[in-house]
Amino acid sequence: MNLTLLLFQGDGGGLFWAIAPFLLIFGIFYFLVILPQKRQRQQLQEMIANLKINDEVVTNGGVIGKIKEIKETSFIIHSADKSFLEIGKSAVVGKRAEEGK
């Protein structure tokens, strides 16, 4: 029997079964990669929105500093004795844990 006849035999459900593996792979990818990343990004945005003066933050460049002023799109942080830096809010990757706890 011809191979093409074997491939196209069926009751019309061939298209669904042809794309079912792709749908399954997308579903697994969504729940294992996209959804956790979305949650993590949302938690970081909430944390940045709740920062206040004198909170210690860590930037994506590794700079640790204490917030001295909050602007619309940036923070002024105090990182050393006489060092004040203006960093964008998007540069903050975390809040430094308090050492007493």
N, C-alpha and C. Protein backbone atom coordinates (compact mmCIF):
# COMPACT_ATOMS: atom_id res chain seq x y z
N MET A 1 0.84 -1.18 0.00
CA MET A 1 0.00 0.00 0.00
C MET A 1 0.89 1.24 0.00
N ASN A 2 0.42 2.27 -0.60
CA ASN A 2 1.18 3.49 -0.73
C ASN A 2 1.27 4.21 0.62
N LEU A 3 2.41 4.79 0.95
CA LEU A 3 2.64 5.46 2.23
C LEU A 3 1.73 6.68 2.41
N THR A 4 1.49 7.43 1.36
CA THR A 4 0.62 8.60 1.47
C THR A 4 -0.81 8.21 1.78
N LEU A 5 -1.26 7.08 1.28
CA LEU A 5 -2.61 6.62 1.62
C LEU A 5 -2.70 6.25 3.09
N LEU A 6 -1.65 5.68 3.63
CA LEU A 6 -1.64 5.34 5.05
C LEU A 6 -1.67 6.58 5.93
N LEU A 7 -0.95 7.63 5.51
CA LEU A 7 -0.88 8.86 6.30
C LEU A 7 -2.20 9.61 6.31
N PHE A 8 -2.92 9.59 5.20
CA PHE A 8 -4.14 10.38 5.11
C PHE A 8 -5.41 9.58 5.39
N GLN A 9 -5.28 8.35 5.83
CA GLN A 9 -6.45 7.59 6.22
C GLN A 9 -6.94 8.06 7.56
N GLY A 10 -8.20 7.97 7.80
CA GLY A 10 -8.74 8.36 9.08
C GLY A 10 -10.14 8.91 8.92
N ASP A 11 -10.70 9.29 10.05
CA ASP A 11 -12.07 9.77 10.04
C ASP A 11 -12.17 11.28 10.13
N GLY A 12 -11.14 12.00 9.78
CA GLY A 12 -11.19 13.46 9.78
C GLY A 12 -10.61 14.08 11.04
N GLY A 13 -10.22 13.31 12.02
CA GLY A 13 -9.64 13.85 13.24
C GLY A 13 -8.14 14.02 13.15
N GLY A 14 -7.59 13.89 12.00
CA GLY A 14 -6.14 13.96 11.82
C GLY A 14 -5.54 15.31 12.13
N LEU A 15 -6.25 16.39 11.83
CA LEU A 15 -5.72 17.73 12.08
C LEU A 15 -5.57 17.98 13.57
N PHE A 16 -6.57 17.58 14.35
CA PHE A 16 -6.48 17.78 15.79
C PHE A 16 -5.30 17.01 16.37
N TRP A 17 -5.16 15.76 15.97
CA TRP A 17 -4.07 14.95 16.52
C TRP A 17 -2.72 15.42 15.99
N ALA A 18 -2.70 16.13 14.90
CA ALA A 18 -1.44 16.67 14.38
C ALA A 18 -0.97 17.87 15.20
N ILE A 19 -1.91 18.70 15.69
CA ILE A 19 -1.49 19.88 16.46
C ILE A 19 -1.58 19.66 17.97
N ALA A 20 -2.13 18.52 18.41
CA ALA A 20 -2.25 18.24 19.85
C ALA A 20 -0.89 18.25 20.57
N PRO A 21 0.17 17.67 20.02
CA PRO A 21 1.46 17.72 20.72
C PRO A 21 1.98 19.15 20.90
N PHE A 22 1.74 20.00 19.91
CA PHE A 22 2.18 21.39 20.03
C PHE A 22 1.40 22.13 21.11
N LEU A 23 0.11 21.87 21.21
CA LEU A 23 -0.71 22.47 22.25
C LEU A 23 -0.26 21.98 23.63
N LEU A 24 0.05 20.72 23.74
CA LEU A 24 0.53 20.16 25.00
C LEU A 24 1.87 20.78 25.41
N ILE A 25 2.78 20.91 24.46
CA ILE A 25 4.08 21.53 24.75
C ILE A 25 3.90 22.98 25.17
N PHE A 26 3.03 23.72 24.49
CA PHE A 26 2.78 25.12 24.87
C PHE A 26 2.19 25.20 26.26
N GLY A 27 1.26 24.31 26.60
CA GLY A 27 0.65 24.31 27.94
C GLY A 27 1.69 24.05 29.02
N ILE A 28 2.55 23.08 28.81
CA ILE A 28 3.60 22.79 29.78
C ILE A 28 4.56 23.97 29.90
N PHE A 29 4.95 24.54 28.77
CA PHE A 29 5.85 25.70 28.77
C PHE A 29 5.23 26.87 29.52
N TYR A 30 3.92 27.09 29.32
CA TYR A 30 3.23 28.20 29.98
C TYR A 30 3.26 28.03 31.49
N PHE A 31 2.92 26.84 31.99
CA PHE A 31 2.82 26.63 33.43
C PHE A 31 4.18 26.50 34.11
N LEU A 32 5.21 26.08 33.39
CA LEU A 32 6.52 25.91 34.02
C LEU A 32 7.44 27.10 33.84
N VAL A 33 7.22 27.94 32.83
CA VAL A 33 8.14 29.05 32.56
C VAL A 33 7.44 30.40 32.62
N ILE A 34 6.41 30.59 31.85
CA ILE A 34 5.80 31.92 31.70
C ILE A 34 5.08 32.36 32.97
N LEU A 35 4.24 31.50 33.54
CA LEU A 35 3.46 31.87 34.73
C LEU A 35 4.34 32.19 35.94
N PRO A 36 5.35 31.38 36.30
CA PRO A 36 6.21 31.74 37.43
C PRO A 36 6.99 33.04 37.20
N GLN A 37 7.43 33.27 35.96
CA GLN A 37 8.15 34.50 35.66
C GLN A 37 7.24 35.71 35.79
N LYS A 38 5.99 35.57 35.38
CA LYS A 38 5.02 36.66 35.50
C LYS A 38 4.76 36.99 36.97
N ARG A 39 4.63 35.96 37.80
CA ARG A 39 4.41 36.17 39.23
C ARG A 39 5.60 36.85 39.88
N GLN A 40 6.81 36.43 39.51
CA GLN A 40 8.01 37.02 40.08
C GLN A 40 8.13 38.49 39.69
N ARG A 41 7.84 38.82 38.44
CA ARG A 41 7.90 40.21 37.98
C ARG A 41 6.86 41.06 38.70
N GLN A 42 5.68 40.51 38.94
CA GLN A 42 4.62 41.24 39.65
C GLN A 42 5.02 41.50 41.10
N GLN A 43 5.63 40.51 41.76
CA GLN A 43 6.08 40.70 43.14
C GLN A 43 7.17 41.76 43.22
N LEU A 44 8.09 41.79 42.25
CA LEU A 44 9.14 42.80 42.24
C LEU A 44 8.55 44.19 42.04
N GLN A 45 7.57 44.33 41.17
CA GLN A 45 6.93 45.63 40.95
C GLN A 45 6.20 46.11 42.19
N GLU A 46 5.54 45.19 42.91
CA GLU A 46 4.87 45.56 44.15
C GLU A 46 5.88 45.99 45.21
N MET A 47 7.00 45.26 45.29
CA MET A 47 8.03 45.60 46.26
C MET A 47 8.61 46.98 45.98
N ILE A 48 8.87 47.29 44.71
CA ILE A 48 9.41 48.60 44.35
C ILE A 48 8.40 49.69 44.66
N ALA A 49 7.12 49.44 44.42
CA ALA A 49 6.08 50.44 44.71
C ALA A 49 5.96 50.70 46.21
N ASN A 50 6.29 49.72 47.05
CA ASN A 50 6.15 49.87 48.49
C ASN A 50 7.43 50.32 49.19
N LEU A 51 8.49 50.61 48.44
CA LEU A 51 9.73 51.08 49.07
C LEU A 51 9.53 52.47 49.65
N LYS A 52 10.21 52.73 50.76
CA LYS A 52 10.12 54.04 51.40
C LYS A 52 11.52 54.50 51.79
N ILE A 53 11.61 55.71 52.27
CA ILE A 53 12.89 56.28 52.66
C ILE A 53 13.51 55.45 53.78
N ASN A 54 14.83 55.28 53.73
CA ASN A 54 15.67 54.51 54.66
C ASN A 54 15.59 53.00 54.45
N ASP A 55 14.89 52.53 53.42
CA ASP A 55 14.96 51.11 53.07
C ASP A 55 16.27 50.87 52.32
N GLU A 56 16.91 49.74 52.60
CA GLU A 56 18.13 49.39 51.89
C GLU A 56 17.77 48.54 50.68
N VAL A 57 18.32 48.90 49.53
CA VAL A 57 18.02 48.20 48.28
C VAL A 57 19.31 47.71 47.63
N VAL A 58 19.16 46.72 46.76
CA VAL A 58 20.25 46.20 45.96
C VAL A 58 19.89 46.43 44.50
N THR A 59 20.85 46.94 43.73
CA THR A 59 20.60 47.19 42.31
C THR A 59 21.10 46.02 41.48
N ASN A 60 20.75 46.02 40.20
CA ASN A 60 21.20 44.96 39.31
C ASN A 60 22.70 45.04 39.04
N GLY A 61 23.34 46.14 39.38
CA GLY A 61 24.79 46.27 39.27
C GLY A 61 25.51 45.86 40.54
N GLY A 62 24.76 45.50 41.58
CA GLY A 62 25.37 45.08 42.82
C GLY A 62 25.56 46.18 43.84
N VAL A 63 25.11 47.37 43.55
CA VAL A 63 25.25 48.49 44.48
C VAL A 63 24.19 48.36 45.58
N ILE A 64 24.65 48.49 46.81
CA ILE A 64 23.75 48.45 47.97
C ILE A 64 23.70 49.84 48.55
N GLY A 65 22.50 50.33 48.80
CA GLY A 65 22.38 51.67 49.35
C GLY A 65 21.06 51.88 50.05
N LYS A 66 21.02 52.97 50.80
CA LYS A 66 19.83 53.34 51.55
C LYS A 66 19.11 54.46 50.81
N ILE A 67 17.81 54.32 50.63
CA ILE A 67 17.03 55.32 49.90
C ILE A 67 16.94 56.60 50.72
N LYS A 68 17.31 57.70 50.09
CA LYS A 68 17.24 59.00 50.74
C LYS A 68 16.15 59.89 50.15
N GLU A 69 15.80 59.65 48.89
CA GLU A 69 14.76 60.45 48.23
C GLU A 69 14.09 59.60 47.16
N ILE A 70 12.80 59.76 47.03
CA ILE A 70 12.03 59.01 46.03
C ILE A 70 11.50 60.00 45.01
N LYS A 71 11.84 59.75 43.74
CA LYS A 71 11.33 60.56 42.64
C LYS A 71 10.34 59.71 41.84
N GLU A 72 9.81 60.29 40.79
CA GLU A 72 8.78 59.60 40.01
C GLU A 72 9.32 58.33 39.35
N THR A 73 10.49 58.41 38.74
CA THR A 73 11.04 57.24 38.05
C THR A 73 12.39 56.80 38.59
N SER A 74 12.85 57.40 39.69
CA SER A 74 14.17 57.04 40.22
C SER A 74 14.23 57.21 41.73
N PHE A 75 15.33 56.72 42.29
CA PHE A 75 15.63 56.87 43.70
C PHE A 75 16.97 57.56 43.84
N ILE A 76 17.14 58.33 44.89
CA ILE A 76 18.46 58.82 45.29
C ILE A 76 18.87 57.93 46.46
N ILE A 77 20.00 57.22 46.28
CA ILE A 77 20.45 56.34 47.35
C ILE A 77 21.79 56.80 47.89
N HIS A 78 22.02 56.50 49.16
CA HIS A 78 23.27 56.80 49.84
C HIS A 78 24.01 55.48 49.94
N SER A 79 25.14 55.36 49.20
CA SER A 79 25.81 54.07 49.13
C SER A 79 27.11 54.02 49.93
N ALA A 80 27.71 55.15 50.20
CA ALA A 80 28.95 55.19 50.98
C ALA A 80 28.93 56.47 51.81
N ASP A 81 30.07 56.82 52.42
CA ASP A 81 30.12 57.98 53.30
C ASP A 81 29.59 59.25 52.65
N LYS A 82 30.12 59.60 51.49
CA LYS A 82 29.71 60.83 50.82
C LYS A 82 29.18 60.56 49.41
N SER A 83 28.75 59.35 49.17
CA SER A 83 28.34 58.95 47.84
C SER A 83 26.81 58.85 47.74
N PHE A 84 26.26 59.71 46.89
CA PHE A 84 24.83 59.67 46.60
C PHE A 84 24.67 59.33 45.13
N LEU A 85 23.82 58.37 44.83
CA LEU A 85 23.61 57.94 43.44
C LEU A 85 22.13 58.05 43.11
N GLU A 86 21.85 58.44 41.87
CA GLU A 86 20.48 58.41 41.39
C GLU A 86 20.35 57.18 40.51
N ILE A 87 19.46 56.29 40.89
CA ILE A 87 19.26 55.05 40.13
C ILE A 87 17.81 54.99 39.66
N GLY A 88 17.61 54.37 38.52
CA GLY A 88 16.25 54.16 38.03
C GLY A 88 15.54 53.10 38.85
N LYS A 89 14.24 53.23 38.96
CA LYS A 89 13.48 52.24 39.73
C LYS A 89 13.60 50.85 39.11
N SER A 90 13.81 50.78 37.81
CA SER A 90 13.95 49.48 37.16
C SER A 90 15.27 48.80 37.49
N ALA A 91 16.23 49.54 38.06
CA ALA A 91 17.52 48.95 38.42
C ALA A 91 17.46 48.21 39.75
N VAL A 92 16.42 48.40 40.52
CA VAL A 92 16.31 47.74 41.83
C VAL A 92 15.89 46.29 41.61
N VAL A 93 16.67 45.37 42.19
CA VAL A 93 16.34 43.95 42.06
C VAL A 93 15.90 43.34 43.38
N GLY A 94 16.06 44.08 44.46
CA GLY A 94 15.62 43.52 45.74
C GLY A 94 15.83 44.48 46.88
N LYS A 95 15.20 44.11 47.98
CA LYS A 95 15.33 44.88 49.21
C LYS A 95 16.27 44.09 50.11
N ARG A 96 17.23 44.77 50.69
CA ARG A 96 18.19 44.10 51.54
C ARG A 96 17.54 43.74 52.87
N ALA A 97 17.75 42.52 53.29
CA ALA A 97 17.17 42.06 54.54
C ALA A 97 17.84 42.76 55.71
N GLU A 98 17.05 43.08 56.72
CA GLU A 98 17.59 43.72 57.90
C GLU A 98 18.41 42.70 58.67
N GLU A 99 19.58 43.10 59.16
CA GLU A 99 20.51 42.16 59.77
C GLU A 99 20.09 41.75 61.16
N GLY A 100 19.25 42.47 61.83
CA GLY A 100 18.85 42.15 63.18
C GLY A 100 17.82 41.03 63.26
N LYS A 101 17.27 40.61 62.13
CA LYS A 101 16.20 39.61 62.15
C LYS A 101 16.68 38.28 61.68
